[in-house]
Amino acid sequence: MAEEELFDVIIPPGVPKTIILDIMKKFDVQVVERKMPFYFANMDGTEREILAFRGKRGVVEEVEKYLKAELQKFIDEGGFTPRPEKSPGKATEKQDS
């Protein structure tokens, strides 16, 4: 019996882990590492380890649609919430006596 061919959907760097975990729960896919050359930000084909969802063709096509929709929602909602700035402690001035 021949094994069914598996396909990958690249997970773009910066995708929130909540979206990755959600996809893993909803779809029959695995998260795998794979090397891929990059050609941006002063990279001339430098290979980097990236993550991808791997599964059967029909499933990864659905994952790709879902991932795009979830990323669009994430962007529309303002993306990451910035951390509140820590309020500086009270500065004590050294007084001359």
PDB file of N, CA and C in Angstrom:
ATOM      1  N   MET A   1       0.842  -1.174   0.000  1.00  0.00           N
ATOM      2  CA  MET A   1       0.000   0.000   0.000  1.00  0.00           C
ATOM      3  C   MET A   1       0.887   1.238   0.000  1.00  0.00           C
ATOM      4  N   ALA A   2       0.710   2.118  -0.968  1.00  0.00           N
ATOM      5  CA  ALA A   2       1.519   3.325  -1.079  1.00  0.00           C
ATOM      6  C   ALA A   2       1.045   4.373  -0.078  1.00  0.00           C
ATOM      7  N   GLU A   3       2.020   5.063   0.495  1.00  0.00           N
ATOM      8  CA  GLU A   3       1.678   6.131   1.428  1.00  0.00           C
ATOM      9  C   GLU A   3       1.209   7.348   0.650  1.00  0.00           C
ATOM     10  N   GLU A   4       0.234   8.044   1.219  1.00  0.00           N
ATOM     11  CA  GLU A   4      -0.252   9.261   0.578  1.00  0.00           C
ATOM     12  C   GLU A   4       0.796  10.352   0.728  1.00  0.00           C
ATOM     13  N   GLU A   5       0.968  11.141  -0.328  1.00  0.00           N
ATOM     14  CA  GLU A   5       1.952  12.215  -0.315  1.00  0.00           C
ATOM     15  C   GLU A   5       1.525  13.302   0.679  1.00  0.00           C
ATOM     16  N   LEU A   6       2.511  13.826   1.416  1.00  0.00           N
ATOM     17  CA  LEU A   6       2.244  14.880   2.384  1.00  0.00           C
ATOM     18  C   LEU A   6       2.744  16.212   1.846  1.00  0.00           C
ATOM     19  N   PHE A   7       2.084  17.278   2.257  1.00  0.00           N
ATOM     20  CA  PHE A   7       2.396  18.629   1.794  1.00  0.00           C
ATOM     21  C   PHE A   7       2.630  19.536   2.990  1.00  0.00           C
ATOM     22  N   ASP A   8       3.354  20.626   2.757  1.00  0.00           N
ATOM     23  CA  ASP A   8       3.671  21.579   3.819  1.00  0.00           C
ATOM     24  C   ASP A   8       3.040  22.932   3.546  1.00  0.00           C
ATOM     25  N   VAL A   9       2.629  23.592   4.606  1.00  0.00           N
ATOM     26  CA  VAL A   9       2.236  24.994   4.579  1.00  0.00           C
ATOM     27  C   VAL A   9       3.208  25.696   5.517  1.00  0.00           C
ATOM     28  N   ILE A  10       3.974  26.622   4.976  1.00  0.00           N
ATOM     29  CA  ILE A  10       4.963  27.349   5.754  1.00  0.00           C
ATOM     30  C   ILE A  10       4.252  28.237   6.774  1.00  0.00           C
ATOM     31  N   ILE A  11       4.755  28.238   7.991  1.00  0.00           N
ATOM     32  CA  ILE A  11       4.246  29.136   9.030  1.00  0.00           C
ATOM     33  C   ILE A  11       5.137  30.369   9.015  1.00  0.00           C
ATOM     34  N   PRO A  12       4.581  31.496   8.607  1.00  0.00           N
ATOM     35  CA  PRO A  12       5.412  32.703   8.540  1.00  0.00           C
ATOM     36  C   PRO A  12       5.990  33.063   9.908  1.00  0.00           C
ATOM     37  N   PRO A  13       7.228  33.526   9.943  1.00  0.00           N
ATOM     38  CA  PRO A  13       7.796  33.955  11.223  1.00  0.00           C
ATOM     39  C   PRO A  13       6.908  35.026  11.853  1.00  0.00           C
ATOM     40  N   GLY A  14       6.691  34.906  13.156  1.00  0.00           N
ATOM     41  CA  GLY A  14       5.890  35.884  13.877  1.00  0.00           C
ATOM     42  C   GLY A  14       4.444  35.485  14.089  1.00  0.00           C
ATOM     43  N   VAL A  15       4.017  34.340  13.543  1.00  0.00           N
ATOM     44  CA  VAL A  15       2.646  33.894  13.781  1.00  0.00           C
ATOM     45  C   VAL A  15       2.505  33.588  15.270  1.00  0.00           C
ATOM     46  N   PRO A  16       1.484  34.138  15.919  1.00  0.00           N
ATOM     47  CA  PRO A  16       1.300  33.880  17.347  1.00  0.00           C
ATOM     48  C   PRO A  16       1.130  32.387  17.625  1.00  0.00           C
ATOM     49  N   LYS A  17       1.728  31.951  18.720  1.00  0.00           N
ATOM     50  CA  LYS A  17       1.650  30.524  19.057  1.00  0.00           C
ATOM     51  C   LYS A  17       0.218  30.084  19.328  1.00  0.00           C
ATOM     52  N   THR A  18      -0.655  31.012  19.727  1.00  0.00           N
ATOM     53  CA  THR A  18      -2.051  30.642  19.958  1.00  0.00           C
ATOM     54  C   THR A  18      -2.707  30.178  18.655  1.00  0.00           C
ATOM     55  N   ILE A  19      -2.354  30.803  17.543  1.00  0.00           N
ATOM     56  CA  ILE A  19      -2.905  30.390  16.240  1.00  0.00           C
ATOM     57  C   ILE A  19      -2.333  29.039  15.843  1.00  0.00           C
ATOM     58  N   ILE A  20      -1.044  28.837  16.069  1.00  0.00           N
ATOM     59  CA  ILE A  20      -0.406  27.549  15.737  1.00  0.00           C
ATOM     60  C   ILE A  20      -1.053  26.423  16.542  1.00  0.00           C
ATOM     61  N   LEU A  21      -1.228  26.636  17.842  1.00  0.00           N
ATOM     62  CA  LEU A  21      -1.835  25.605  18.693  1.00  0.00           C
ATOM     63  C   LEU A  21      -3.279  25.337  18.301  1.00  0.00           C
ATOM     64  N   ASP A  22      -4.020  26.387  17.949  1.00  0.00           N
ATOM     65  CA  ASP A  22      -5.405  26.248  17.513  1.00  0.00           C
ATOM     66  C   ASP A  22      -5.485  25.363  16.267  1.00  0.00           C
ATOM     67  N   ILE A  23      -4.608  25.601  15.311  1.00  0.00           N
ATOM     68  CA  ILE A  23      -4.608  24.814  14.074  1.00  0.00           C
ATOM     69  C   ILE A  23      -4.272  23.354  14.368  1.00  0.00           C
ATOM     70  N   MET A  24      -3.311  23.137  15.268  1.00  0.00           N
ATOM     71  CA  MET A  24      -2.940  21.755  15.601  1.00  0.00           C
ATOM     72  C   MET A  24      -4.112  20.996  16.231  1.00  0.00           C
ATOM     73  N   LYS A  25      -4.953  21.704  16.980  1.00  0.00           N
ATOM     74  CA  LYS A  25      -6.114  21.064  17.617  1.00  0.00           C
ATOM     75  C   LYS A  25      -7.240  20.805  16.626  1.00  0.00           C
ATOM     76  N   LYS A  26      -7.412  21.712  15.652  1.00  0.00           N
ATOM     77  CA  LYS A  26      -8.551  21.628  14.733  1.00  0.00           C
ATOM     78  C   LYS A  26      -8.304  20.773  13.499  1.00  0.00           C
ATOM     79  N   PHE A  27      -7.047  20.597  13.124  1.00  0.00           N
ATOM     80  CA  PHE A  27      -6.738  19.908  11.864  1.00  0.00           C
ATOM     81  C   PHE A  27      -5.769  18.758  12.110  1.00  0.00           C
ATOM     82  N   ASP A  28      -5.816  17.795  11.210  1.00  0.00           N
ATOM     83  CA  ASP A  28      -4.929  16.634  11.283  1.00  0.00           C
ATOM     84  C   ASP A  28      -3.605  16.962  10.596  1.00  0.00           C
ATOM     85  N   VAL A  29      -2.775  17.766  11.292  1.00  0.00           N
ATOM     86  CA  VAL A  29      -1.471  18.156  10.765  1.00  0.00           C
ATOM     87  C   VAL A  29      -0.435  18.053  11.875  1.00  0.00           C
ATOM     88  N   GLN A  30       0.807  18.003  11.447  1.00  0.00           N
ATOM     89  CA  GLN A  30       1.938  18.038  12.367  1.00  0.00           C
ATOM     90  C   GLN A  30       2.694  19.331  12.113  1.00  0.00           C
ATOM     91  N   VAL A  31       3.352  19.841  13.158  1.00  0.00           N
ATOM     92  CA  VAL A  31       4.267  20.960  12.966  1.00  0.00           C
ATOM     93  C   VAL A  31       5.650  20.356  12.806  1.00  0.00           C
ATOM     94  N   VAL A  32       6.316  20.725  11.727  1.00  0.00           N
ATOM     95  CA  VAL A  32       7.642  20.188  11.430  1.00  0.00           C
ATOM     96  C   VAL A  32       8.614  21.332  11.199  1.00  0.00           C
ATOM     97  N   GLU A  33       9.883  21.040  11.348  1.00  0.00           N
ATOM     98  CA  GLU A  33      10.940  21.994  11.013  1.00  0.00           C
ATOM     99  C   GLU A  33      11.441  21.661   9.618  1.00  0.00           C
ATOM    100  N   ARG A  34      11.777  22.700   8.898  1.00  0.00           N
ATOM    101  CA  ARG A  34      12.389  22.459   7.599  1.00  0.00           C
ATOM    102  C   ARG A  34      13.286  23.642   7.259  1.00  0.00           C
ATOM    103  N   LYS A  35      14.323  23.361   6.490  1.00  0.00           N
ATOM    104  CA  LYS A  35      15.247  24.415   6.086  1.00  0.00           C
ATOM    105  C   LYS A  35      14.733  25.064   4.812  1.00  0.00           C
ATOM    106  N   MET A  36      14.912  26.390   4.767  1.00  0.00           N
ATOM    107  CA  MET A  36      14.444  27.133   3.606  1.00  0.00           C
ATOM    108  C   MET A  36      15.346  28.345   3.414  1.00  0.00           C
ATOM    109  N   PRO A  37      15.732  28.620   2.170  1.00  0.00           N
ATOM    110  CA  PRO A  37      16.554  29.810   1.937  1.00  0.00           C
ATOM    111  C   PRO A  37      15.714  31.084   2.019  1.00  0.00           C
ATOM    112  N   PHE A  38      16.299  32.136   2.586  1.00  0.00           N
ATOM    113  CA  PHE A  38      15.632  33.432   2.685  1.00  0.00           C
ATOM    114  C   PHE A  38      16.344  34.426   1.784  1.00  0.00           C
ATOM    115  N   TYR A  39      15.564  35.282   1.153  1.00  0.00           N
ATOM    116  CA  TYR A  39      16.099  36.275   0.228  1.00  0.00           C
ATOM    117  C   TYR A  39      15.591  37.679   0.548  1.00  0.00           C
ATOM    118  N   PHE A  40      15.566  38.046   1.806  1.00  0.00           N
ATOM    119  CA  PHE A  40      15.160  39.390   2.186  1.00  0.00           C
ATOM    120  C   PHE A  40      15.983  39.816   3.386  1.00  0.00           C
ATOM    121  N   ALA A  41      15.909  41.098   3.701  1.00  0.00           N
ATOM    122  CA  ALA A  41      16.619  41.656   4.863  1.00  0.00           C
ATOM    123  C   ALA A  41      18.101  41.281   4.838  1.00  0.00           C
ATOM    124  N   ASN A  42      18.743  41.569   3.716  1.00  0.00           N
ATOM    125  CA  ASN A  42      20.178  41.307   3.551  1.00  0.00           C
ATOM    126  C   ASN A  42      20.545  39.826   3.609  1.00  0.00           C
ATOM    127  N   MET A  43      19.628  38.962   3.255  1.00  0.00           N
ATOM    128  CA  MET A  43      19.906  37.527   3.218  1.00  0.00           C
ATOM    129  C   MET A  43      19.930  37.092   1.761  1.00  0.00           C
ATOM    130  N   ASP A  44      21.040  36.580   1.318  1.00  0.00           N
ATOM    131  CA  ASP A  44      21.160  36.102  -0.054  1.00  0.00           C
ATOM    132  C   ASP A  44      21.081  34.589  -0.097  1.00  0.00           C
ATOM    133  N   GLY A  45      19.916  34.070   0.232  1.00  0.00           N
ATOM    134  CA  GLY A  45      19.729  32.628   0.198  1.00  0.00           C
ATOM    135  C   GLY A  45      20.209  31.917   1.441  1.00  0.00           C
ATOM    136  N   THR A  46      20.412  32.660   2.520  1.00  0.00           N
ATOM    137  CA  THR A  46      20.823  32.046   3.780  1.00  0.00           C
ATOM    138  C   THR A  46      19.740  31.074   4.224  1.00  0.00           C
ATOM    139  N   GLU A  47      20.123  29.835   4.516  1.00  0.00           N
ATOM    140  CA  GLU A  47      19.145  28.843   4.959  1.00  0.00           C
ATOM    141  C   GLU A  47      18.855  29.009   6.435  1.00  0.00           C
ATOM    142  N   ARG A  48      17.570  28.969   6.764  1.00  0.00           N
ATOM    143  CA  ARG A  48      17.113  29.068   8.148  1.00  0.00           C
ATOM    144  C   ARG A  48      16.121  27.959   8.421  1.00  0.00           C
ATOM    145  N   GLU A  49      16.075  27.545   9.677  1.00  0.00           N
ATOM    146  CA  GLU A  49      15.065  26.581  10.097  1.00  0.00           C
ATOM    147  C   GLU A  49      13.749  27.325  10.260  1.00  0.00           C
ATOM    148  N   ILE A  50      12.706  26.830   9.650  1.00  0.00           N
ATOM    149  CA  ILE A  50      11.386  27.417   9.798  1.00  0.00           C
ATOM    150  C   ILE A  50      10.407  26.322  10.191  1.00  0.00           C
ATOM    151  N   LEU A  51       9.217  26.728  10.590  1.00  0.00           N
ATOM    152  CA  LEU A  51       8.173  25.775  10.936  1.00  0.00           C
ATOM    153  C   LEU A  51       7.174  25.672   9.800  1.00  0.00           C
ATOM    154  N   ALA A  52       6.558  24.498   9.689  1.00  0.00           N
ATOM    155  CA  ALA A  52       5.528  24.283   8.673  1.00  0.00           C
ATOM    156  C   ALA A  52       4.504  23.300   9.224  1.00  0.00           C
ATOM    157  N   PHE A  53       3.277  23.424   8.734  1.00  0.00           N
ATOM    158  CA  PHE A  53       2.254  22.419   9.013  1.00  0.00           C
ATOM    159  C   PHE A  53       2.364  21.379   7.919  1.00  0.00           C
ATOM    160  N   ARG A  54       2.374  20.101   8.279  1.00  0.00           N
ATOM    161  CA  ARG A  54       2.487  19.023   7.292  1.00  0.00           C
ATOM    162  C   ARG A  54       1.280  18.101   7.411  1.00  0.00           C
ATOM    163  N   GLY A  55       0.701  17.797   6.246  1.00  0.00           N
ATOM    164  CA  GLY A  55      -0.453  16.905   6.238  1.00  0.00           C
ATOM    165  C   GLY A  55      -0.861  16.575   4.821  1.00  0.00           C
ATOM    166  N   LYS A  56      -2.009  15.937   4.700  1.00  0.00           N
ATOM    167  CA  LYS A  56      -2.539  15.573   3.384  1.00  0.00           C
ATOM    168  C   LYS A  56      -2.982  16.833   2.654  1.00  0.00           C
ATOM    169  N   ARG A  57      -2.972  16.742   1.341  1.00  0.00           N
ATOM    170  CA  ARG A  57      -3.207  17.921   0.499  1.00  0.00           C
ATOM    171  C   ARG A  57      -4.493  18.677   0.851  1.00  0.00           C
ATOM    172  N   GLY A  58      -5.602  17.993   0.903  1.00  0.00           N
ATOM    173  CA  GLY A  58      -6.878  18.654   1.199  1.00  0.00           C
ATOM    174  C   GLY A  58      -6.870  19.335   2.560  1.00  0.00           C
ATOM    175  N   VAL A  59      -6.226  18.697   3.520  1.00  0.00           N
ATOM    176  CA  VAL A  59      -6.173  19.249   4.875  1.00  0.00           C
ATOM    177  C   VAL A  59      -5.299  20.496   4.910  1.00  0.00           C
ATOM    178  N   VAL A  60      -4.119  20.447   4.294  1.00  0.00           N
ATOM    179  CA  VAL A  60      -3.240  21.619   4.339  1.00  0.00           C
ATOM    180  C   VAL A  60      -3.807  22.787   3.524  1.00  0.00           C
ATOM    181  N   GLU A  61      -4.617  22.487   2.508  1.00  0.00           N
ATOM    182  CA  GLU A  61      -5.284  23.571   1.788  1.00  0.00           C
ATOM    183  C   GLU A  61      -6.264  24.288   2.711  1.00  0.00           C
ATOM    184  N   GLU A  62      -6.984  23.528   3.534  1.00  0.00           N
ATOM    185  CA  GLU A  62      -7.895  24.125   4.514  1.00  0.00           C
ATOM    186  C   GLU A  62      -7.112  24.882   5.590  1.00  0.00           C
ATOM    187  N   VAL A  63      -5.991  24.320   6.009  1.00  0.00           N
ATOM    188  CA  VAL A  63      -5.140  24.978   7.010  1.00  0.00           C
ATOM    189  C   VAL A  63      -4.661  26.323   6.472  1.00  0.00           C
ATOM    190  N   GLU A  64      -4.245  26.347   5.207  1.00  0.00           N
ATOM    191  CA  GLU A  64      -3.757  27.591   4.618  1.00  0.00           C
ATOM    192  C   GLU A  64      -4.841  28.672   4.632  1.00  0.00           C
ATOM    193  N   LYS A  65      -6.067  28.312   4.248  1.00  0.00           N
ATOM    194  CA  LYS A  65      -7.182  29.268   4.268  1.00  0.00           C
ATOM    195  C   LYS A  65      -7.445  29.757   5.690  1.00  0.00           C
ATOM    196  N   TYR A  66      -7.480  28.814   6.622  1.00  0.00           N
ATOM    197  CA  TYR A  66      -7.761  29.150   8.021  1.00  0.00           C
ATOM    198  C   TYR A  66      -6.658  30.048   8.589  1.00  0.00           C
ATOM    199  N   LEU A  67      -5.401  29.710   8.303  1.00  0.00           N
ATOM    200  CA  LEU A  67      -4.269  30.494   8.792  1.00  0.00           C
ATOM    201  C   LEU A  67      -4.350  31.931   8.272  1.00  0.00           C
ATOM    202  N   LYS A  68      -4.619  32.095   6.999  1.00  0.00           N
ATOM    203  CA  LYS A  68      -4.738  33.441   6.419  1.00  0.00           C
ATOM    204  C   LYS A  68      -5.868  34.221   7.092  1.00  0.00           C
ATOM    205  N   ALA A  69      -7.005  33.572   7.301  1.00  0.00           N
ATOM    206  CA  ALA A  69      -8.148  34.245   7.935  1.00  0.00           C
ATOM    207  C   ALA A  69      -7.826  34.645   9.371  1.00  0.00           C
ATOM    208  N   GLU A  70      -7.180  33.743  10.116  1.00  0.00           N
ATOM    209  CA  GLU A  70      -6.836  34.040  11.507  1.00  0.00           C
ATOM    210  C   GLU A  70      -5.801  35.153  11.600  1.00  0.00           C
ATOM    211  N   LEU A  71      -4.840  35.161  10.691  1.00  0.00           N
ATOM    212  CA  LEU A  71      -3.839  36.238  10.683  1.00  0.00           C
ATOM    213  C   LEU A  71      -4.494  37.572  10.328  1.00  0.00           C
ATOM    214  N   GLN A  72      -5.458  37.558   9.404  1.00  0.00           N
ATOM    215  CA  GLN A  72      -6.154  38.798   9.059  1.00  0.00           C
ATOM    216  C   GLN A  72      -6.944  39.319  10.255  1.00  0.00           C
ATOM    217  N   LYS A  73      -7.608  38.409  10.976  1.00  0.00           N
ATOM    218  CA  LYS A  73      -8.331  38.820  12.193  1.00  0.00           C
ATOM    219  C   LYS A  73      -7.378  39.424  13.206  1.00  0.00           C
ATOM    220  N   PHE A  74      -6.245  38.768  13.378  1.00  0.00           N
ATOM    221  CA  PHE A  74      -5.225  39.225  14.325  1.00  0.00           C
ATOM    222  C   PHE A  74      -4.755  40.637  13.968  1.00  0.00           C
ATOM    223  N   ILE A  75      -4.505  40.869  12.700  1.00  0.00           N
ATOM    224  CA  ILE A  75      -4.059  42.191  12.235  1.00  0.00           C
ATOM    225  C   ILE A  75      -5.170  43.221  12.426  1.00  0.00           C
ATOM    226  N   ASP A  76      -6.400  42.861  12.028  1.00  0.00           N
ATOM    227  CA  ASP A  76      -7.525  43.788  12.145  1.00  0.00           C
ATOM    228  C   ASP A  76      -7.804  44.188  13.592  1.00  0.00           C
ATOM    229  N   GLU A  77      -7.510  43.282  14.514  1.00  0.00           N
ATOM    230  CA  GLU A  77      -7.752  43.560  15.931  1.00  0.00           C
ATOM    231  C   GLU A  77      -6.582  44.305  16.572  1.00  0.00           C
ATOM    232  N   GLY A  78      -5.592  44.654  15.795  1.00  0.00           N
ATOM    233  CA  GLY A  78      -4.487  45.439  16.329  1.00  0.00           C
ATOM    234  C   GLY A  78      -3.242  44.651  16.648  1.00  0.00           C
ATOM    235  N   GLY A  79      -3.232  43.377  16.311  1.00  0.00           N
ATOM    236  CA  GLY A  79      -2.017  42.582  16.547  1.00  0.00           C
ATOM    237  C   GLY A  79      -1.719  42.421  18.018  1.00  0.00           C
ATOM    238  N   PHE A  80      -0.442  42.372  18.310  1.00  0.00           N
ATOM    239  CA  PHE A  80      -0.006  42.195  19.688  1.00  0.00           C
ATOM    240  C   PHE A  80      -0.354  43.423  20.509  1.00  0.00           C
ATOM    241  N   THR A  81      -0.781  43.200  21.714  1.00  0.00           N
ATOM    242  CA  THR A  81      -1.037  44.304  22.626  1.00  0.00           C
ATOM    243  C   THR A  81       0.300  44.709  23.229  1.00  0.00           C
ATOM    244  N   PRO A  82       0.662  45.971  23.074  1.00  0.00           N
ATOM    245  CA  PRO A  82       1.946  46.384  23.638  1.00  0.00           C
ATOM    246  C   PRO A  82       1.933  46.272  25.152  1.00  0.00           C
ATOM    247  N   ARG A  83       3.062  45.937  25.690  1.00  0.00           N
ATOM    248  CA  ARG A  83       3.179  45.861  27.142  1.00  0.00           C
ATOM    249  C   ARG A  83       3.077  47.267  27.716  1.00  0.00           C
ATOM    250  N   PRO A  84       2.383  47.392  28.815  1.00  0.00           N
ATOM    251  CA  PRO A  84       2.346  48.721  29.421  1.00  0.00           C
ATOM    252  C   PRO A  84       3.741  49.094  29.907  1.00  0.00           C
ATOM    253  N   GLU A  85       4.071  50.336  29.700  1.00  0.00           N
ATOM    254  CA  GLU A  85       5.384  50.777  30.146  1.00  0.00           C
ATOM    255  C   GLU A  85       5.404  50.782  31.661  1.00  0.00           C
ATOM    256  N   LYS A  86       6.523  50.358  32.197  1.00  0.00           N
ATOM    257  CA  LYS A  86       6.665  50.384  33.647  1.00  0.00           C
ATOM    258  C   LYS A  86       6.791  51.833  34.074  1.00  0.00           C
ATOM    259  N   SER A  87       6.066  52.152  35.107  1.00  0.00           N
ATOM    260  CA  SER A  87       6.189  53.524  35.579  1.00  0.00           C
ATOM    261  C   SER A  87       7.524  53.643  36.320  1.00  0.00           C
ATOM    262  N   PRO A  88       8.225  54.689  36.011  1.00  0.00           N
ATOM    263  CA  PRO A  88       9.532  54.838  36.662  1.00  0.00           C
ATOM    264  C   PRO A  88       9.345  55.041  38.165  1.00  0.00           C
ATOM    265  N   GLY A  89      10.236  54.450  38.899  1.00  0.00           N
ATOM    266  CA  GLY A  89      10.194  54.633  40.349  1.00  0.00           C
ATOM    267  C   GLY A  89      10.451  56.080  40.687  1.00  0.00           C
ATOM    268  N   LYS A  90      10.056  56.463  41.867  1.00  0.00           N
ATOM    269  CA  LYS A  90      10.279  57.852  42.261  1.00  0.00           C
ATOM    270  C   LYS A  90      11.758  58.109  42.363  1.00  0.00           C
ATOM    271  N   ALA A  91      12.174  59.114  41.652  1.00  0.00           N
ATOM    272  CA  ALA A  91      13.582  59.484  41.697  1.00  0.00           C
ATOM    273  C   ALA A  91      13.825  60.285  42.961  1.00  0.00           C
ATOM    274  N   THR A  92      14.856  59.911  43.616  1.00  0.00           N
ATOM    275  CA  THR A  92      15.203  60.667  44.815  1.00  0.00           C
ATOM    276  C   THR A  92      16.364  61.552  44.468  1.00  0.00           C
ATOM    277  N   GLU A  93      16.202  62.792  44.781  1.00  0.00           N
ATOM    278  CA  GLU A  93      17.268  63.741  44.496  1.00  0.00           C
ATOM    279  C   GLU A  93      18.153  63.852  45.714  1.00  0.00           C
ATOM    280  N   LYS A  94      19.405  63.851  45.440  1.00  0.00           N
ATOM    281  CA  LYS A  94      20.368  64.014  46.520  1.00  0.00           C
ATOM    282  C   LYS A  94      20.421  65.491  46.859  1.00  0.00           C
ATOM    283  N   GLN A  95      20.178  65.772  48.105  1.00  0.00           N
ATOM    284  CA  GLN A  95      20.151  67.174  48.495  1.00  0.00           C
ATOM    285  C   GLN A  95      21.450  67.527  49.174  1.00  0.00           C
ATOM    286  N   ASP A  96      21.900  68.716  48.854  1.00  0.00           N
ATOM    287  CA  ASP A  96      23.118  69.224  49.511  1.00  0.00           C
ATOM    288  C   ASP A  96      22.765  69.712  50.896  1.00  0.00           C
ATOM    289  N   SER A  97      23.582  69.356  51.850  1.00  0.00           N
ATOM    290  CA  SER A  97      23.333  69.820  53.208  1.00  0.00           C
ATOM    291  C   SER A  97      24.147  71.031  53.522  1.00  0.00           C
TER     292      SER A  97
END
